[in-house]
């Protein structure tokens, strides 16, 4: 069992649909990097609404997997953007980047085993 994400909870939230789980992993892999880039760019441009939107979307993607570190990091970035507190944003973005990398790496490690189990 991973402490990075909640496999059983994720699968339960997805109606015990293994194919949907794999699709959601693919969605995370494809959508997280550009959303993180959007968050960084919005921070540099001082675009608070875009910062909120990117952080909120990343929070939702991570929540699908019960990835508490990534959810907490995205929530902190969202909170800072909503409060217009940009001083803490570089640290929040760095934490979110690390947490998403950790989540994606763990999913990359575990999803192939999941895929082979569902073919039995």
C-alpha atoms as a PDB file:
ATOM      1  CA  UNK A   1       0.000   0.000   0.000  1.00  0.00           C
ATOM      2  CA  UNK A   2       1.284   3.431  -0.956  1.00  0.00           C
ATOM      3  CA  UNK A   3       1.379   6.331   1.448  1.00  0.00           C
ATOM      4  CA  UNK A   4       1.609   8.683  -1.536  1.00  0.00           C
ATOM      5  CA  UNK A   5      -1.865   7.935  -2.832  1.00  0.00           C
ATOM      6  CA  UNK A   6      -4.862   5.866  -1.789  1.00  0.00           C
ATOM      7  CA  UNK A   7      -5.313   3.130  -4.364  1.00  0.00           C
ATOM      8  CA  UNK A   8      -8.368   1.499  -2.759  1.00  0.00           C
ATOM      9  CA  UNK A   9     -10.065   4.834  -2.157  1.00  0.00           C
ATOM     10  CA  UNK A  10      -9.275   5.987  -5.688  1.00  0.00           C
ATOM     11  CA  UNK A  11     -10.693   2.854  -7.208  1.00  0.00           C
ATOM     12  CA  UNK A  12     -13.775   3.103  -5.006  1.00  0.00           C
ATOM     13  CA  UNK A  13     -14.339   6.744  -6.065  1.00  0.00           C
ATOM     14  CA  UNK A  14     -14.075   5.574  -9.667  1.00  0.00           C
ATOM     15  CA  UNK A  15     -16.742   2.913  -9.245  1.00  0.00           C
ATOM     16  CA  UNK A  16     -14.174   0.081  -9.071  1.00  0.00           C
ATOM     17  CA  UNK A  17     -13.523   0.705 -12.769  1.00  0.00           C
ATOM     18  CA  UNK A  18      -9.899  -0.265 -13.464  1.00  0.00           C
ATOM     19  CA  UNK A  19      -9.988   1.184 -16.964  1.00  0.00           C
ATOM     20  CA  UNK A  20     -11.229   4.520 -15.619  1.00  0.00           C
ATOM     21  CA  UNK A  21      -8.420   4.444 -13.049  1.00  0.00           C
ATOM     22  CA  UNK A  22      -5.845   4.021 -15.839  1.00  0.00           C
ATOM     23  CA  UNK A  23      -7.515   6.815 -17.823  1.00  0.00           C
ATOM     24  CA  UNK A  24      -7.366   9.118 -14.814  1.00  0.00           C
ATOM     25  CA  UNK A  25      -3.673   8.312 -14.365  1.00  0.00           C
ATOM     26  CA  UNK A  26      -3.141   9.272 -18.000  1.00  0.00           C
ATOM     27  CA  UNK A  27      -5.089  12.486 -17.464  1.00  0.00           C
ATOM     28  CA  UNK A  28      -2.925  13.365 -14.479  1.00  0.00           C
ATOM     29  CA  UNK A  29       0.255  12.634 -16.437  1.00  0.00           C
ATOM     30  CA  UNK A  30      -0.847  14.774 -19.383  1.00  0.00           C
ATOM     31  CA  UNK A  31      -2.562  17.639 -17.562  1.00  0.00           C
ATOM     32  CA  UNK A  32      -0.440  18.219 -14.454  1.00  0.00           C
ATOM     33  CA  UNK A  33       2.738  19.524 -16.170  1.00  0.00           C
ATOM     34  CA  UNK A  34       0.993  22.220 -18.257  1.00  0.00           C
ATOM     35  CA  UNK A  35      -1.166  23.234 -15.283  1.00  0.00           C
ATOM     36  CA  UNK A  36       1.926  23.579 -13.126  1.00  0.00           C
ATOM     37  CA  UNK A  37       3.545  25.653 -15.897  1.00  0.00           C
ATOM     38  CA  UNK A  38       0.398  27.799 -16.015  1.00  0.00           C
ATOM     39  CA  UNK A  39       0.612  28.319 -12.254  1.00  0.00           C
ATOM     40  CA  UNK A  40       4.248  29.404 -12.510  1.00  0.00           C
ATOM     41  CA  UNK A  41       3.545  31.751 -15.428  1.00  0.00           C
ATOM     42  CA  UNK A  42       0.501  33.237 -13.708  1.00  0.00           C
ATOM     43  CA  UNK A  43       2.597  33.836 -10.588  1.00  0.00           C
ATOM     44  CA  UNK A  44       5.272  35.647 -12.617  1.00  0.00           C
ATOM     45  CA  UNK A  45       2.575  37.725 -14.322  1.00  0.00           C
ATOM     46  CA  UNK A  46       0.684  38.410 -11.097  1.00  0.00           C
ATOM     47  CA  UNK A  47      -2.467  36.859 -12.591  1.00  0.00           C
ATOM     48  CA  UNK A  48      -4.320  35.786  -9.447  1.00  0.00           C
ATOM     49  CA  UNK A  49      -7.411  34.299 -11.160  1.00  0.00           C
ATOM     50  CA  UNK A  50      -5.231  32.034 -13.331  1.00  0.00           C
ATOM     51  CA  UNK A  51      -3.194  31.049 -10.283  1.00  0.00           C
ATOM     52  CA  UNK A  52      -6.375  30.097  -8.429  1.00  0.00           C
ATOM     53  CA  UNK A  53      -7.733  28.155 -11.412  1.00  0.00           C
ATOM     54  CA  UNK A  54      -4.506  26.202 -12.012  1.00  0.00           C
ATOM     55  CA  UNK A  55      -4.022  25.363  -8.326  1.00  0.00           C
ATOM     56  CA  UNK A  56      -7.677  24.378  -7.912  1.00  0.00           C
ATOM     57  CA  UNK A  57      -7.565  22.098 -10.957  1.00  0.00           C
ATOM     58  CA  UNK A  58      -4.348  20.456  -9.746  1.00  0.00           C
ATOM     59  CA  UNK A  59      -5.955  19.970  -6.342  1.00  0.00           C
ATOM     60  CA  UNK A  60      -8.850  18.143  -7.993  1.00  0.00           C
ATOM     61  CA  UNK A  61      -6.576  15.947 -10.078  1.00  0.00           C
ATOM     62  CA  UNK A  62      -4.598  14.916  -6.990  1.00  0.00           C
ATOM     63  CA  UNK A  63      -7.775  14.428  -4.944  1.00  0.00           C
ATOM     64  CA  UNK A  64      -8.934  11.777  -7.412  1.00  0.00           C
ATOM     65  CA  UNK A  65      -6.078   9.653  -6.062  1.00  0.00           C
ATOM     66  CA  UNK A  66      -6.319  10.598  -2.390  1.00  0.00           C
ATOM     67  CA  UNK A  67      -2.801  12.041  -2.742  1.00  0.00           C
ATOM     68  CA  UNK A  68      -2.834  14.086   0.444  1.00  0.00           C
ATOM     69  CA  UNK A  69       0.580  15.748   0.044  1.00  0.00           C
ATOM     70  CA  UNK A  70      -0.241  16.952  -3.468  1.00  0.00           C
ATOM     71  CA  UNK A  71      -3.764  17.999  -2.440  1.00  0.00           C
ATOM     72  CA  UNK A  72      -2.404  19.967   0.524  1.00  0.00           C
ATOM     73  CA  UNK A  73       0.261  21.654  -1.612  1.00  0.00           C
ATOM     74  CA  UNK A  74      -2.265  22.633  -4.285  1.00  0.00           C
ATOM     75  CA  UNK A  75      -4.688  23.859  -1.619  1.00  0.00           C
ATOM     76  CA  UNK A  76      -1.955  26.043  -0.129  1.00  0.00           C
ATOM     77  CA  UNK A  77      -1.141  27.542  -3.543  1.00  0.00           C
ATOM     78  CA  UNK A  78      -4.840  28.159  -4.120  1.00  0.00           C
ATOM     79  CA  UNK A  79      -5.229  29.743  -0.666  1.00  0.00           C
ATOM     80  CA  UNK A  80      -2.263  32.041  -1.221  1.00  0.00           C
ATOM     81  CA  UNK A  81      -3.557  33.117  -4.621  1.00  0.00           C
ATOM     82  CA  UNK A  82      -7.062  33.798  -3.276  1.00  0.00           C
ATOM     83  CA  UNK A  83      -5.568  35.859  -0.442  1.00  0.00           C
ATOM     84  CA  UNK A  84      -3.186  37.654  -2.841  1.00  0.00           C
ATOM     85  CA  UNK A  85      -0.250  36.545  -0.677  1.00  0.00           C
ATOM     86  CA  UNK A  86       2.396  36.023  -3.296  1.00  0.00           C
ATOM     87  CA  UNK A  87       5.312  35.960  -0.844  1.00  0.00           C
ATOM     88  CA  UNK A  88       4.768  32.277  -0.031  1.00  0.00           C
ATOM     89  CA  UNK A  89       3.907  31.214  -3.557  1.00  0.00           C
ATOM     90  CA  UNK A  90       7.404  30.119  -4.695  1.00  0.00           C
ATOM     91  CA  UNK A  91       7.623  27.682  -1.772  1.00  0.00           C
ATOM     92  CA  UNK A  92       4.059  26.456  -2.379  1.00  0.00           C
ATOM     93  CA  UNK A  93       4.754  25.895  -6.072  1.00  0.00           C
ATOM     94  CA  UNK A  94       7.987  24.036  -5.299  1.00  0.00           C
ATOM     95  CA  UNK A  95       6.169  21.796  -2.800  1.00  0.00           C
ATOM     96  CA  UNK A  96       3.382  21.150  -5.311  1.00  0.00           C
ATOM     97  CA  UNK A  97       5.918  20.313  -8.019  1.00  0.00           C
ATOM     98  CA  UNK A  98       7.674  17.801  -5.729  1.00  0.00           C
ATOM     99  CA  UNK A  99       4.399  16.276  -4.564  1.00  0.00           C
ATOM    100  CA  UNK A 100       3.127  15.839  -8.135  1.00  0.00           C
ATOM    101  CA  UNK A 101       6.445  14.337  -9.252  1.00  0.00           C
ATOM    102  CA  UNK A 102       6.252  11.908  -6.345  1.00  0.00           C
ATOM    103  CA  UNK A 103       2.636  11.005  -7.155  1.00  0.00           C
ATOM    104  CA  UNK A 104       3.265  10.486 -10.863  1.00  0.00           C
ATOM    105  CA  UNK A 105       6.390   8.417 -10.158  1.00  0.00           C
ATOM    106  CA  UNK A 106       4.455   6.209  -7.748  1.00  0.00           C
ATOM    107  CA  UNK A 107       1.612   5.797 -10.241  1.00  0.00           C
ATOM    108  CA  UNK A 108       4.121   5.008 -13.014  1.00  0.00           C
ATOM    109  CA  UNK A 109       5.540   2.312 -10.766  1.00  0.00           C
ATOM    110  CA  UNK A 110       2.221   0.797  -9.723  1.00  0.00           C
ATOM    111  CA  UNK A 111      -0.123   1.191 -12.687  1.00  0.00           C
ATOM    112  CA  UNK A 112       1.612  -1.378 -14.927  1.00  0.00           C
ATOM    113  CA  UNK A 113       1.015  -3.980 -12.214  1.00  0.00           C
ATOM    114  CA  UNK A 114      -2.590  -2.775 -11.976  1.00  0.00           C
ATOM    115  CA  UNK A 115      -3.022  -3.110 -15.761  1.00  0.00           C
ATOM    116  CA  UNK A 116      -1.803  -6.696 -15.782  1.00  0.00           C
ATOM    117  CA  UNK A 117      -4.102  -7.617 -12.895  1.00  0.00           C
ATOM    118  CA  UNK A 118      -7.178  -6.330 -14.692  1.00  0.00           C
ATOM    119  CA  UNK A 119      -6.475  -8.525 -17.752  1.00  0.00           C
ATOM    120  CA  UNK A 120      -6.788 -11.778 -15.802  1.00  0.00           C
END
